[in-house]
Amino acid sequence: MNDDIGNGTKTATRPAIVTGLAYLFLTFTMTLLRAYDAAAPIGKIPLDPGSVFPVSVQWRWHWIQIPLTVVVAVGLFRGWRWARWLALAVLVVAGAISAPLWDVRAAPSYVFVLALNLVICALLFFAPSAKVYFSRSTRLPRIFTMRGAISTGLLVFAVFTAHSIGFAALKKPDAAAMWGSSALFLLPALVFSALICWDLRRSVREIGAALLAVTVALISVQVKVFIAGRAWPTGATLQSGLFQSILLTIVLGISGLTFAAWAVRARTTAAQ
C-alpha cells in the first residue's frame, strides 16, 4: 500500500522502518508458533526458564500473544496509530512474564531480547519517518489492487519460507536442503513479488525490509539457542545446526542491507 502524506491524511509511502518492523512482528508470530513443533509436551514445560510465573500462565500468555502479534503486524502494515501502543503493551507483558528471576542462567538471553524490544519501541515511537507516518490520520486507499495484494502475499510467503528454512537448519543441519530450499522457494517468491509489483523502487524497499526482519528474528533465535546450549544440557540439541543457520542469516542480512542501500540511493537520486 502506498500512502502519501498531505492535507492531514496519510498519502505517503510507508517508511521502510515501519515495513521492516511489521515483518519483524510477523516473524515473531512464526517463532511463537514453533513452540507447537517441539517434541516436549505442549503446555507442560516452561517456555521461559527462570520465570516466576507458573507454566500454565506462560502457555496461556503464549496463546494470547500469537493473535495479538498478528494484529500488531497488520496494524503496522495498515498504518493504524494504536498498533504502536499495542506493540508496546505486548512487549512489556512478555518481558514481565519471561523475566528470569528464579534462574539467572537465562539472564543473558533475556537481556538480549529486552535490548531488541527497546530498539523496536524506540524506532516505532521516535524514528522521524515513523513519527510523521503515525502522526497523521489514515486514509485507506480507494481502490484495492490485486497486483499489490499478490506482491505482498508473495513477500509474506518469502518471509515465512526464510524463517522456516532457518529453523529447519537448527534442527537438521543439511546444507544441500537449506540452500536448495532457498533456491527453489525463497528466491522465486522474491523475484515474482518484484515482477508483479512492477515498481522497482518500492520492490527493492519492501524486499530489503523483509529480509532484514527475518535476519533479526533468526539472530534472536540463534542467540537463545547458543545461550541455552551452554546453560542447560537439553539446550545442546540444536547446537549442531547453528553454523548452517548462521550462514543463511548472513546471506539474508547482506542481501537485505544491499537492497536497503539501493533503495536509499534511488530515493536520494530521485529527490535531486
C-alpha atoms as a PDB file:
ATOM      1  CA  MET A   1       0.000   0.000   0.000  1.00  0.00           C
ATOM      2  CA  ASN A   2       1.393   3.381  -0.989  1.00  0.00           C
ATOM      3  CA  ASP A   3       0.109   6.252   1.133  1.00  0.00           C
ATOM      4  CA  ASP A   4       1.129   9.903   0.514  1.00  0.00           C
ATOM      5  CA  ILE A   5       1.249  12.424   3.329  1.00  0.00           C
ATOM      6  CA  GLY A   6      -0.637  15.582   2.651  1.00  0.00           C
ATOM      7  CA  ASN A   7      -3.573  17.679   3.876  1.00  0.00           C
ATOM      8  CA  GLY A   8      -3.608  15.910   7.235  1.00  0.00           C
ATOM      9  CA  THR A   9      -4.070  12.486   5.703  1.00  0.00           C
ATOM     10  CA  LYS A  10      -1.594   9.729   5.169  1.00  0.00           C
ATOM     11  CA  THR A  11      -0.838   9.557   1.461  1.00  0.00           C
ATOM     12  CA  ALA A  12       2.977   8.974   1.624  1.00  0.00           C
ATOM     13  CA  THR A  13       4.861   5.797   1.112  1.00  0.00           C
ATOM     14  CA  ARG A  14       5.000   3.684   4.236  1.00  0.00           C
ATOM     15  CA  PRO A  15       8.500   4.143   5.739  1.00  0.00           C
ATOM     16  CA  ALA A  16      10.887   1.231   5.344  1.00  0.00           C
ATOM     17  CA  ILE A  17      11.357   1.196   9.133  1.00  0.00           C
ATOM     18  CA  VAL A  18       7.645   0.615   9.707  1.00  0.00           C
ATOM     19  CA  THR A  19       7.529  -2.010   6.954  1.00  0.00           C
ATOM     20  CA  GLY A  20      10.505  -3.824   8.447  1.00  0.00           C
ATOM     21  CA  LEU A  21       9.004  -3.786  11.936  1.00  0.00           C
ATOM     22  CA  ALA A  22       5.706  -5.101  10.578  1.00  0.00           C
ATOM     23  CA  TYR A  23       7.538  -8.032   9.004  1.00  0.00           C
ATOM     24  CA  LEU A  24       9.515  -8.467  12.232  1.00  0.00           C
ATOM     25  CA  PHE A  25       6.316  -8.893  14.253  1.00  0.00           C
ATOM     26  CA  LEU A  26       5.174 -11.345  11.610  1.00  0.00           C
ATOM     27  CA  THR A  27       8.339 -13.385  12.183  1.00  0.00           C
ATOM     28  CA  PHE A  28       7.744 -13.158  15.940  1.00  0.00           C
ATOM     29  CA  THR A  29       4.386 -14.838  15.321  1.00  0.00           C
ATOM     30  CA  MET A  30       6.117 -17.592  13.366  1.00  0.00           C
ATOM     31  CA  THR A  31       8.622 -18.081  16.196  1.00  0.00           C
ATOM     32  CA  LEU A  32       5.795 -18.341  18.723  1.00  0.00           C
ATOM     33  CA  LEU A  33       4.081 -20.977  16.597  1.00  0.00           C
ATOM     34  CA  ARG A  34       7.285 -23.041  16.584  1.00  0.00           C
ATOM     35  CA  ALA A  35       6.632 -23.914  20.227  1.00  0.00           C
ATOM     36  CA  TYR A  36       3.960 -26.306  18.960  1.00  0.00           C
ATOM     37  CA  ASP A  37       6.522 -28.152  16.838  1.00  0.00           C
ATOM     38  CA  ALA A  38       8.547 -29.153  19.878  1.00  0.00           C
ATOM     39  CA  ALA A  39       8.815 -32.801  20.853  1.00  0.00           C
ATOM     40  CA  ALA A  40       8.161 -31.932  24.508  1.00  0.00           C
ATOM     41  CA  PRO A  41       4.566 -31.989  25.788  1.00  0.00           C
ATOM     42  CA  ILE A  42       2.699 -28.816  24.882  1.00  0.00           C
ATOM     43  CA  GLY A  43       1.528 -26.827  27.875  1.00  0.00           C
ATOM     44  CA  LYS A  44       3.601 -28.826  30.357  1.00  0.00           C
ATOM     45  CA  ILE A  45       7.139 -27.474  30.015  1.00  0.00           C
ATOM     46  CA  PRO A  46       8.229 -23.928  30.900  1.00  0.00           C
ATOM     47  CA  LEU A  47       8.544 -21.623  27.921  1.00  0.00           C
ATOM     48  CA  ASP A  48      10.587 -19.117  29.900  1.00  0.00           C
ATOM     49  CA  PRO A  49      13.137 -20.818  32.194  1.00  0.00           C
ATOM     50  CA  GLY A  50      13.504 -18.950  35.455  1.00  0.00           C
ATOM     51  CA  SER A  51      10.173 -17.151  35.215  1.00  0.00           C
ATOM     52  CA  VAL A  52       8.282 -16.727  38.473  1.00  0.00           C
ATOM     53  CA  PHE A  53       5.016 -17.404  36.674  1.00  0.00           C
ATOM     54  CA  PRO A  54       3.612 -20.950  36.596  1.00  0.00           C
ATOM     55  CA  VAL A  55       3.926 -22.992  33.420  1.00  0.00           C
ATOM     56  CA  SER A  56       0.177 -22.738  32.848  1.00  0.00           C
ATOM     57  CA  VAL A  57       0.342 -18.937  32.892  1.00  0.00           C
ATOM     58  CA  GLN A  58       3.291 -18.936  30.487  1.00  0.00           C
ATOM     59  CA  TRP A  59       1.377 -21.047  27.986  1.00  0.00           C
ATOM     60  CA  ARG A  60      -1.831 -19.058  28.348  1.00  0.00           C
ATOM     61  CA  TRP A  61       0.076 -15.862  27.610  1.00  0.00           C
ATOM     62  CA  HIS A  62       1.760 -17.648  24.697  1.00  0.00           C
ATOM     63  CA  TRP A  63      -1.632 -18.469  23.195  1.00  0.00           C
ATOM     64  CA  ILE A  64      -2.844 -14.894  23.689  1.00  0.00           C
ATOM     65  CA  GLN A  65       0.364 -13.385  22.343  1.00  0.00           C
ATOM     66  CA  ILE A  66       0.074 -15.103  18.951  1.00  0.00           C
ATOM     67  CA  PRO A  67      -3.104 -13.321  17.744  1.00  0.00           C
ATOM     68  CA  LEU A  68      -2.002 -10.062  19.375  1.00  0.00           C
ATOM     69  CA  THR A  69       1.278 -10.148  17.464  1.00  0.00           C
ATOM     70  CA  VAL A  70      -0.592 -10.789  14.220  1.00  0.00           C
ATOM     71  CA  VAL A  71      -2.811  -7.777  14.919  1.00  0.00           C
ATOM     72  CA  VAL A  72       0.271  -5.621  15.572  1.00  0.00           C
ATOM     73  CA  ALA A  73       1.847  -6.722  12.286  1.00  0.00           C
ATOM     74  CA  VAL A  74      -1.328  -5.987  10.318  1.00  0.00           C
ATOM     75  CA  GLY A  75      -1.781  -2.672  12.139  1.00  0.00           C
ATOM     76  CA  LEU A  76       1.721  -1.540  11.254  1.00  0.00           C
ATOM     77  CA  PHE A  77       1.204  -2.553   7.633  1.00  0.00           C
ATOM     78  CA  ARG A  78      -2.028  -0.546   7.535  1.00  0.00           C
ATOM     79  CA  GLY A  79      -0.672   2.435   9.440  1.00  0.00           C
ATOM     80  CA  TRP A  80      -3.030   2.223  12.413  1.00  0.00           C
ATOM     81  CA  ARG A  81      -1.680   4.503  15.130  1.00  0.00           C
ATOM     82  CA  TRP A  82      -2.881   2.370  18.021  1.00  0.00           C
ATOM     83  CA  ALA A  83      -0.824  -0.565  16.697  1.00  0.00           C
ATOM     84  CA  ARG A  84       2.299   1.021  18.214  1.00  0.00           C
ATOM     85  CA  TRP A  85       0.718   1.089  21.657  1.00  0.00           C
ATOM     86  CA  LEU A  86      -0.487  -2.481  21.319  1.00  0.00           C
ATOM     87  CA  ALA A  87       3.056  -3.487  20.324  1.00  0.00           C
ATOM     88  CA  LEU A  88       4.421  -1.717  23.398  1.00  0.00           C
ATOM     89  CA  ALA A  89       1.881  -3.434  25.669  1.00  0.00           C
ATOM     90  CA  VAL A  90       2.647  -6.873  24.214  1.00  0.00           C
ATOM     91  CA  LEU A  91       6.400  -6.401  24.606  1.00  0.00           C
ATOM     92  CA  VAL A  92       6.050  -5.119  28.182  1.00  0.00           C
ATOM     93  CA  VAL A  93       3.831  -8.012  29.294  1.00  0.00           C
ATOM     94  CA  ALA A  94       6.071 -10.540  27.529  1.00  0.00           C
ATOM     95  CA  GLY A  95       9.122  -9.046  29.231  1.00  0.00           C
ATOM     96  CA  ALA A  96       7.463  -9.209  32.645  1.00  0.00           C
ATOM     97  CA  ILE A  97       6.353 -12.826  32.284  1.00  0.00           C
ATOM     98  CA  SER A  98       9.670 -14.069  30.866  1.00  0.00           C
ATOM     99  CA  ALA A  99      11.912 -12.297  33.405  1.00  0.00           C
ATOM    100  CA  PRO A 100      14.324 -14.989  34.735  1.00  0.00           C
ATOM    101  CA  LEU A 101      14.109 -14.118  38.423  1.00  0.00           C
ATOM    102  CA  TRP A 102      14.437 -17.738  39.575  1.00  0.00           C
ATOM    103  CA  ASP A 103      17.243 -18.848  37.256  1.00  0.00           C
ATOM    104  CA  VAL A 104      19.969 -16.393  36.288  1.00  0.00           C
ATOM    105  CA  ARG A 105      21.289 -18.740  33.591  1.00  0.00           C
ATOM    106  CA  ALA A 106      18.585 -17.354  31.320  1.00  0.00           C
ATOM    107  CA  ALA A 107      19.595 -13.748  32.063  1.00  0.00           C
ATOM    108  CA  PRO A 108      21.926 -13.243  29.036  1.00  0.00           C
ATOM    109  CA  SER A 109      19.212 -14.332  26.610  1.00  0.00           C
ATOM    110  CA  TYR A 110      16.643 -12.202  28.402  1.00  0.00           C
ATOM    111  CA  VAL A 111      18.892  -9.123  28.300  1.00  0.00           C
ATOM    112  CA  PHE A 112      19.410  -9.571  24.552  1.00  0.00           C
ATOM    113  CA  VAL A 113      15.670  -9.852  23.882  1.00  0.00           C
ATOM    114  CA  LEU A 114      14.974  -6.909  26.186  1.00  0.00           C
ATOM    115  CA  ALA A 115      17.505  -4.774  24.303  1.00  0.00           C
ATOM    116  CA  LEU A 116      15.917  -5.787  20.995  1.00  0.00           C
ATOM    117  CA  ASN A 117      12.469  -4.847  22.297  1.00  0.00           C
ATOM    118  CA  LEU A 118      13.763  -1.454  23.436  1.00  0.00           C
ATOM    119  CA  VAL A 119      15.180  -0.806  19.967  1.00  0.00           C
ATOM    120  CA  ILE A 120      11.850  -1.787  18.394  1.00  0.00           C
ATOM    121  CA  CYS A 121       9.919   0.600  20.639  1.00  0.00           C
ATOM    122  CA  ALA A 122      12.438   3.387  20.051  1.00  0.00           C
ATOM    123  CA  LEU A 123      12.065   3.022  16.279  1.00  0.00           C
ATOM    124  CA  LEU A 124       8.272   2.882  16.444  1.00  0.00           C
ATOM    125  CA  PHE A 125       7.907   5.965  18.624  1.00  0.00           C
ATOM    126  CA  PHE A 126      10.981   8.100  17.929  1.00  0.00           C
ATOM    127  CA  ALA A 127      12.210   7.395  14.383  1.00  0.00           C
ATOM    128  CA  PRO A 128      11.450  10.616  12.415  1.00  0.00           C
ATOM    129  CA  SER A 129       9.779   8.831   9.497  1.00  0.00           C
ATOM    130  CA  ALA A 130       7.649   6.700  11.836  1.00  0.00           C
ATOM    131  CA  LYS A 131       6.622   9.753  13.888  1.00  0.00           C
ATOM    132  CA  VAL A 132       5.435  11.558  10.763  1.00  0.00           C
ATOM    133  CA  TYR A 133       3.718   8.459   9.430  1.00  0.00           C
ATOM    134  CA  PHE A 134       1.753   7.757  12.599  1.00  0.00           C
ATOM    135  CA  SER A 135       1.011  11.405  13.409  1.00  0.00           C
ATOM    136  CA  ARG A 136      -1.446  11.732  10.521  1.00  0.00           C
ATOM    137  CA  SER A 137      -4.919  10.334  10.201  1.00  0.00           C
ATOM    138  CA  THR A 138      -5.118   7.299   7.963  1.00  0.00           C
ATOM    139  CA  ARG A 139      -6.899   7.375   4.649  1.00  0.00           C
ATOM    140  CA  LEU A 140      -7.305   3.905   3.229  1.00  0.00           C
ATOM    141  CA  PRO A 141      -6.706   3.501  -0.490  1.00  0.00           C
ATOM    142  CA  ARG A 142      -9.888   3.831  -2.506  1.00  0.00           C
ATOM    143  CA  ILE A 143      -9.048   1.050  -4.943  1.00  0.00           C
ATOM    144  CA  PHE A 144      -7.955  -2.423  -3.968  1.00  0.00           C
ATOM    145  CA  THR A 145      -5.155  -3.529  -6.289  1.00  0.00           C
ATOM    146  CA  MET A 146      -4.869  -7.228  -6.947  1.00  0.00           C
ATOM    147  CA  ARG A 147      -1.281  -6.714  -8.094  1.00  0.00           C
ATOM    148  CA  GLY A 148      -0.303  -5.140  -4.760  1.00  0.00           C
ATOM    149  CA  ALA A 149      -2.071  -7.862  -2.779  1.00  0.00           C
ATOM    150  CA  ILE A 150      -0.347 -10.669  -4.691  1.00  0.00           C
ATOM    151  CA  SER A 151       3.045  -8.955  -4.446  1.00  0.00           C
ATOM    152  CA  THR A 152       2.680  -8.513  -0.680  1.00  0.00           C
ATOM    153  CA  GLY A 153       1.409 -12.072  -0.319  1.00  0.00           C
ATOM    154  CA  LEU A 154       4.495 -13.396  -2.078  1.00  0.00           C
ATOM    155  CA  LEU A 155       6.719 -11.345   0.229  1.00  0.00           C
ATOM    156  CA  VAL A 156       4.924 -12.736   3.272  1.00  0.00           C
ATOM    157  CA  PHE A 157       5.439 -16.223   1.828  1.00  0.00           C
ATOM    158  CA  ALA A 158       9.134 -15.421   1.320  1.00  0.00           C
ATOM    159  CA  VAL A 159       9.439 -14.280   4.937  1.00  0.00           C
ATOM    160  CA  PHE A 160       7.712 -17.442   6.156  1.00  0.00           C
ATOM    161  CA  THR A 161       9.957 -19.574   3.922  1.00  0.00           C
ATOM    162  CA  ALA A 162      13.209 -17.936   5.037  1.00  0.00           C
ATOM    163  CA  HIS A 163      12.166 -18.214   8.683  1.00  0.00           C
ATOM    164  CA  SER A 164      11.224 -21.879   8.241  1.00  0.00           C
ATOM    165  CA  ILE A 165      14.483 -22.708   6.458  1.00  0.00           C
ATOM    166  CA  GLY A 166      16.488 -21.039   9.224  1.00  0.00           C
ATOM    167  CA  PHE A 167      14.634 -23.032  11.875  1.00  0.00           C
ATOM    168  CA  ALA A 168      14.951 -26.273   9.927  1.00  0.00           C
ATOM    169  CA  ALA A 169      18.714 -25.758   9.707  1.00  0.00           C
ATOM    170  CA  LEU A 170      18.871 -25.630  13.507  1.00  0.00           C
ATOM    171  CA  LYS A 171      17.105 -28.966  13.860  1.00  0.00           C
ATOM    172  CA  LYS A 172      18.721 -30.761  10.925  1.00  0.00           C
ATOM    173  CA  PRO A 173      21.954 -29.225   9.605  1.00  0.00           C
ATOM    174  CA  ASP A 174      21.665 -30.205   5.943  1.00  0.00           C
ATOM    175  CA  ALA A 175      23.414 -27.649   3.729  1.00  0.00           C
ATOM    176  CA  ALA A 176      22.035 -29.099   0.492  1.00  0.00           C
ATOM    177  CA  ALA A 177      18.457 -28.983   1.762  1.00  0.00           C
ATOM    178  CA  MET A 178      18.879 -25.470   3.165  1.00  0.00           C
ATOM    179  CA  TRP A 179      20.339 -23.872   0.040  1.00  0.00           C
ATOM    180  CA  GLY A 180      18.164 -25.995  -2.246  1.00  0.00           C
ATOM    181  CA  SER A 181      15.008 -24.833  -0.465  1.00  0.00           C
ATOM    182  CA  SER A 182      16.217 -21.247  -0.646  1.00  0.00           C
ATOM    183  CA  ALA A 183      16.775 -21.508  -4.398  1.00  0.00           C
ATOM    184  CA  LEU A 184      13.536 -23.403  -5.017  1.00  0.00           C
ATOM    185  CA  PHE A 185      11.110 -21.420  -2.841  1.00  0.00           C
ATOM    186  CA  LEU A 186      12.639 -18.251  -1.381  1.00  0.00           C
ATOM    187  CA  LEU A 187      14.341 -16.779  -4.445  1.00  0.00           C
ATOM    188  CA  PRO A 188      11.383 -17.280  -6.842  1.00  0.00           C
ATOM    189  CA  ALA A 189       9.000 -15.722  -4.306  1.00  0.00           C
ATOM    190  CA  LEU A 190      11.174 -12.603  -4.098  1.00  0.00           C
ATOM    191  CA  VAL A 191      11.595 -12.371  -7.875  1.00  0.00           C
ATOM    192  CA  PHE A 192       7.898 -12.841  -8.637  1.00  0.00           C
ATOM    193  CA  SER A 193       6.966 -10.346  -5.913  1.00  0.00           C
ATOM    194  CA  ALA A 194       9.121  -7.712  -7.618  1.00  0.00           C
ATOM    195  CA  LEU A 195       7.825  -8.551 -11.095  1.00  0.00           C
ATOM    196  CA  ILE A 196       4.167  -8.453 -10.077  1.00  0.00           C
ATOM    197  CA  CYS A 197       4.606  -5.195  -8.157  1.00  0.00           C
ATOM    198  CA  TRP A 198       6.174  -3.632 -11.283  1.00  0.00           C
ATOM    199  CA  ASP A 199       7.602  -0.762  -9.234  1.00  0.00           C
ATOM    200  CA  LEU A 200      11.340  -1.256  -8.846  1.00  0.00           C
ATOM    201  CA  ARG A 201      11.924   1.280  -6.070  1.00  0.00           C
ATOM    202  CA  ARG A 202       9.039   0.019  -3.988  1.00  0.00           C
ATOM    203  CA  SER A 203      10.006  -3.625  -4.554  1.00  0.00           C
ATOM    204  CA  VAL A 204      13.604  -3.008  -3.517  1.00  0.00           C
ATOM    205  CA  ARG A 205      12.497  -1.181  -0.380  1.00  0.00           C
ATOM    206  CA  GLU A 206       9.966  -3.851   0.621  1.00  0.00           C
ATOM    207  CA  ILE A 207      12.282  -6.788  -0.079  1.00  0.00           C
ATOM    208  CA  GLY A 208      15.125  -5.164   1.854  1.00  0.00           C
ATOM    209  CA  ALA A 209      12.857  -4.556   4.857  1.00  0.00           C
ATOM    210  CA  ALA A 210      11.513  -8.122   4.752  1.00  0.00           C
ATOM    211  CA  LEU A 211      14.958  -9.735   4.545  1.00  0.00           C
ATOM    212  CA  LEU A 212      16.334  -7.612   7.380  1.00  0.00           C
ATOM    213  CA  ALA A 213      13.319  -8.506   9.533  1.00  0.00           C
ATOM    214  CA  VAL A 214      13.954 -12.227   9.015  1.00  0.00           C
ATOM    215  CA  THR A 215      17.643 -11.666   9.749  1.00  0.00           C
ATOM    216  CA  VAL A 216      16.888 -10.024  13.095  1.00  0.00           C
ATOM    217  CA  ALA A 217      14.379 -12.743  14.012  1.00  0.00           C
ATOM    218  CA  LEU A 218      16.826 -15.552  13.214  1.00  0.00           C
ATOM    219  CA  ILE A 219      19.644 -13.832  15.112  1.00  0.00           C
ATOM    220  CA  SER A 220      17.354 -13.602  18.137  1.00  0.00           C
ATOM    221  CA  VAL A 221      16.616 -17.329  17.955  1.00  0.00           C
ATOM    222  CA  GLN A 222      20.275 -18.223  17.411  1.00  0.00           C
ATOM    223  CA  VAL A 223      21.366 -16.200  20.433  1.00  0.00           C
ATOM    224  CA  LYS A 224      18.807 -18.044  22.563  1.00  0.00           C
ATOM    225  CA  VAL A 225      19.950 -21.417  21.222  1.00  0.00           C
ATOM    226  CA  PHE A 226      23.605 -20.580  21.790  1.00  0.00           C
ATOM    227  CA  ILE A 227      22.994 -19.480  25.384  1.00  0.00           C
ATOM    228  CA  ALA A 228      20.641 -22.376  26.147  1.00  0.00           C
ATOM    229  CA  GLY A 229      23.200 -24.870  24.869  1.00  0.00           C
ATOM    230  CA  ARG A 230      25.655 -23.683  27.473  1.00  0.00           C
ATOM    231  CA  ALA A 231      23.202 -23.203  30.323  1.00  0.00           C
ATOM    232  CA  TRP A 232      21.129 -26.414  30.102  1.00  0.00           C
ATOM    233  CA  PRO A 233      22.057 -29.879  28.787  1.00  0.00           C
ATOM    234  CA  THR A 234      18.749 -30.135  26.906  1.00  0.00           C
ATOM    235  CA  GLY A 235      19.561 -26.950  25.005  1.00  0.00           C
ATOM    236  CA  ALA A 236      22.526 -28.536  23.263  1.00  0.00           C
ATOM    237  CA  THR A 237      20.326 -30.489  20.837  1.00  0.00           C
ATOM    238  CA  LEU A 238      20.048 -27.522  18.448  1.00  0.00           C
ATOM    239  CA  GLN A 239      23.707 -26.509  18.675  1.00  0.00           C
ATOM    240  CA  SER A 240      24.779 -28.683  15.735  1.00  0.00           C
ATOM    241  CA  GLY A 241      22.701 -26.671  13.285  1.00  0.00           C
ATOM    242  CA  LEU A 242      23.868 -23.250  14.410  1.00  0.00           C
ATOM    243  CA  PHE A 243      26.610 -22.932  11.794  1.00  0.00           C
ATOM    244  CA  GLN A 244      24.353 -23.559   8.794  1.00  0.00           C
ATOM    245  CA  SER A 245      21.614 -21.347  10.205  1.00  0.00           C
ATOM    246  CA  ILE A 246      24.107 -18.543  10.818  1.00  0.00           C
ATOM    247  CA  LEU A 247      25.389 -18.845   7.237  1.00  0.00           C
ATOM    248  CA  LEU A 248      21.855 -18.420   5.921  1.00  0.00           C
ATOM    249  CA  THR A 249      21.307 -15.469   8.246  1.00  0.00           C
ATOM    250  CA  ILE A 250      24.482 -13.783   7.000  1.00  0.00           C
ATOM    251  CA  VAL A 251      23.359 -14.165   3.381  1.00  0.00           C
ATOM    252  CA  LEU A 252      19.896 -12.803   4.208  1.00  0.00           C
ATOM    253  CA  GLY A 253      21.387  -9.907   6.167  1.00  0.00           C
ATOM    254  CA  ILE A 254      23.838  -8.913   3.438  1.00  0.00           C
ATOM    255  CA  SER A 255      21.087  -9.143   0.827  1.00  0.00           C
ATOM    256  CA  GLY A 256      18.729  -7.068   2.962  1.00  0.00           C
ATOM    257  CA  LEU A 257      21.356  -4.385   3.566  1.00  0.00           C
ATOM    258  CA  THR A 258      22.168  -4.288  -0.154  1.00  0.00           C
ATOM    259  CA  PHE A 259      18.528  -3.794  -1.104  1.00  0.00           C
ATOM    260  CA  ALA A 260      18.077  -1.185   1.641  1.00  0.00           C
ATOM    261  CA  ALA A 261      21.139   0.760   0.480  1.00  0.00           C
ATOM    262  CA  TRP A 262      19.918   0.584  -3.105  1.00  0.00           C
ATOM    263  CA  ALA A 263      16.504   1.917  -2.062  1.00  0.00           C
ATOM    264  CA  VAL A 264      18.077   4.829  -0.166  1.00  0.00           C
ATOM    265  CA  ARG A 265      20.302   5.670  -3.116  1.00  0.00           C
ATOM    266  CA  ALA A 266      17.368   5.553  -5.538  1.00  0.00           C
ATOM    267  CA  ARG A 267      15.319   7.821  -3.290  1.00  0.00           C
ATOM    268  CA  THR A 268      18.208  10.277  -2.933  1.00  0.00           C
ATOM    269  CA  THR A 269      18.768  10.330  -6.687  1.00  0.00           C
ATOM    270  CA  ALA A 270      15.076  10.901  -7.372  1.00  0.00           C
ATOM    271  CA  ALA A 271      14.982  13.799  -4.893  1.00  0.00           C
ATOM    272  CA  GLN A 272      17.814  15.652  -6.644  1.00  0.00           C
END
